[in-house]
Amino acid sequence: MLPNLLGWASAALLALAASTAFYLGCAEQRLLSRPLSPSIATAAALIGVAGSALALTVVAGGLVSVFAALTLFMLCCTALPFVAGPRRIGARVDE
């Protein structure tokens, strides 16, 4: 039971980290004043998705883990712009 829970939790965290890296590399991101380097952000995102799939392989199996890792990645990429909100961290808010 505990290895299953740890596998899913680590896969979810890796997918969240991958989507965050991917988001911070986009020019339209709203968290940082400047986007990260797109090549570094994309490489970090690919490593995170691969790590997520690897963590899920221990729990679920081959193709199921790839599908679940990509689904987690897509869900995080969809939700992250809404969570980031319309303001940048440290930016002044004009009233």
Protein backbone atom coordinates (compact mmCIF):
# COMPACT_ATOMS: atom_id res chain seq x y z
CA MET A 1 0.00 0.00 0.00
CA LEU A 2 2.69 2.50 0.99
CA PRO A 3 4.87 1.90 -2.12
CA ASN A 4 1.79 2.51 -4.30
CA LEU A 5 1.07 5.77 -2.53
CA LEU A 6 4.71 6.88 -2.71
CA GLY A 7 4.88 6.02 -6.41
CA TRP A 8 1.78 8.02 -7.25
CA ALA A 9 2.85 10.94 -5.04
CA SER A 10 6.33 11.11 -6.53
CA ALA A 11 4.89 10.87 -10.05
CA ALA A 12 2.46 13.71 -9.30
CA LEU A 13 5.24 15.90 -7.89
CA LEU A 14 7.48 15.22 -10.88
CA ALA A 15 4.65 16.04 -13.29
CA LEU A 16 3.95 19.26 -11.38
CA ALA A 17 7.64 20.20 -11.48
CA ALA A 18 7.77 19.41 -15.21
CA SER A 19 4.75 21.53 -16.02
CA THR A 20 6.08 24.38 -13.87
CA ALA A 21 9.40 24.32 -15.72
CA PHE A 22 7.58 24.23 -19.04
CA TYR A 23 5.35 27.15 -17.99
CA LEU A 24 8.27 29.27 -16.75
CA GLY A 25 10.00 28.84 -20.11
CA CYS A 26 7.05 30.32 -22.03
CA ALA A 27 7.15 33.98 -23.02
CA GLU A 28 3.59 34.50 -21.74
CA GLN A 29 4.27 33.25 -18.21
CA ARG A 30 3.24 35.61 -15.41
CA LEU A 31 5.22 34.44 -12.38
CA LEU A 32 8.69 35.78 -13.16
CA SER A 33 9.75 39.09 -14.64
CA ARG A 34 11.62 37.24 -17.42
CA PRO A 35 10.99 33.73 -18.75
CA LEU A 36 13.55 31.01 -18.24
CA SER A 37 15.64 29.85 -21.17
CA PRO A 38 13.26 27.85 -23.38
CA SER A 39 15.79 25.11 -24.10
CA ILE A 40 16.59 24.57 -20.42
CA ALA A 41 12.93 24.72 -19.43
CA THR A 42 11.94 22.22 -22.13
CA ALA A 43 14.75 19.85 -21.13
CA ALA A 44 13.71 20.06 -17.48
CA ALA A 45 10.09 19.40 -18.46
CA LEU A 46 11.04 16.33 -20.51
CA ILE A 47 13.18 14.99 -17.66
CA GLY A 48 10.29 15.55 -15.24
CA VAL A 49 7.77 13.74 -17.45
CA ALA A 50 10.21 10.86 -17.97
CA GLY A 51 10.79 10.66 -14.22
CA SER A 52 7.07 10.70 -13.61
CA ALA A 53 6.54 7.87 -16.10
CA LEU A 54 9.40 5.93 -14.50
CA ALA A 55 7.89 6.36 -11.03
CA LEU A 56 4.54 5.17 -12.33
CA THR A 57 6.10 2.16 -14.08
CA VAL A 58 6.90 0.73 -10.66
CA VAL A 59 3.27 1.12 -9.61
CA ALA A 60 1.18 0.56 -12.73
CA GLY A 61 3.14 -0.84 -15.68
CA GLY A 62 4.49 0.33 -19.03
CA LEU A 63 1.88 2.00 -21.24
CA VAL A 64 -0.38 2.86 -18.34
CA SER A 65 2.43 4.82 -16.73
CA VAL A 66 3.13 6.83 -19.89
CA PHE A 67 -0.55 7.65 -20.29
CA ALA A 68 -0.94 8.59 -16.62
CA ALA A 69 2.24 10.71 -16.58
CA LEU A 70 1.20 12.64 -19.69
CA THR A 71 -2.31 13.11 -18.29
CA LEU A 72 -0.89 14.48 -15.03
CA PHE A 73 1.41 16.77 -17.03
CA MET A 74 -1.50 18.07 -19.14
CA LEU A 75 -3.68 18.68 -16.09
CA CYS A 76 -0.90 20.66 -14.39
CA CYS A 77 -0.20 22.65 -17.57
CA THR A 78 -3.88 23.48 -17.85
CA ALA A 79 -4.29 24.57 -14.23
CA LEU A 80 -1.00 26.43 -13.74
CA PRO A 81 -1.90 29.65 -15.64
CA PHE A 82 -5.11 29.93 -13.63
CA VAL A 83 -3.27 29.36 -10.37
CA ALA A 84 -0.56 31.86 -11.31
CA GLY A 85 -3.20 34.53 -11.72
CA PRO A 86 -3.00 37.81 -13.55
CA ARG A 87 -0.11 39.27 -11.54
CA ARG A 88 3.60 38.66 -11.42
CA ILE A 89 5.38 38.00 -8.15
CA GLY A 90 6.95 41.21 -6.94
CA ALA A 91 5.22 43.42 -9.53
CA ARG A 92 3.49 46.61 -8.46
CA VAL A 93 -0.25 46.69 -8.65
CA ASP A 94 -1.56 49.94 -10.08
CA GLU A 95 -4.89 51.00 -8.69
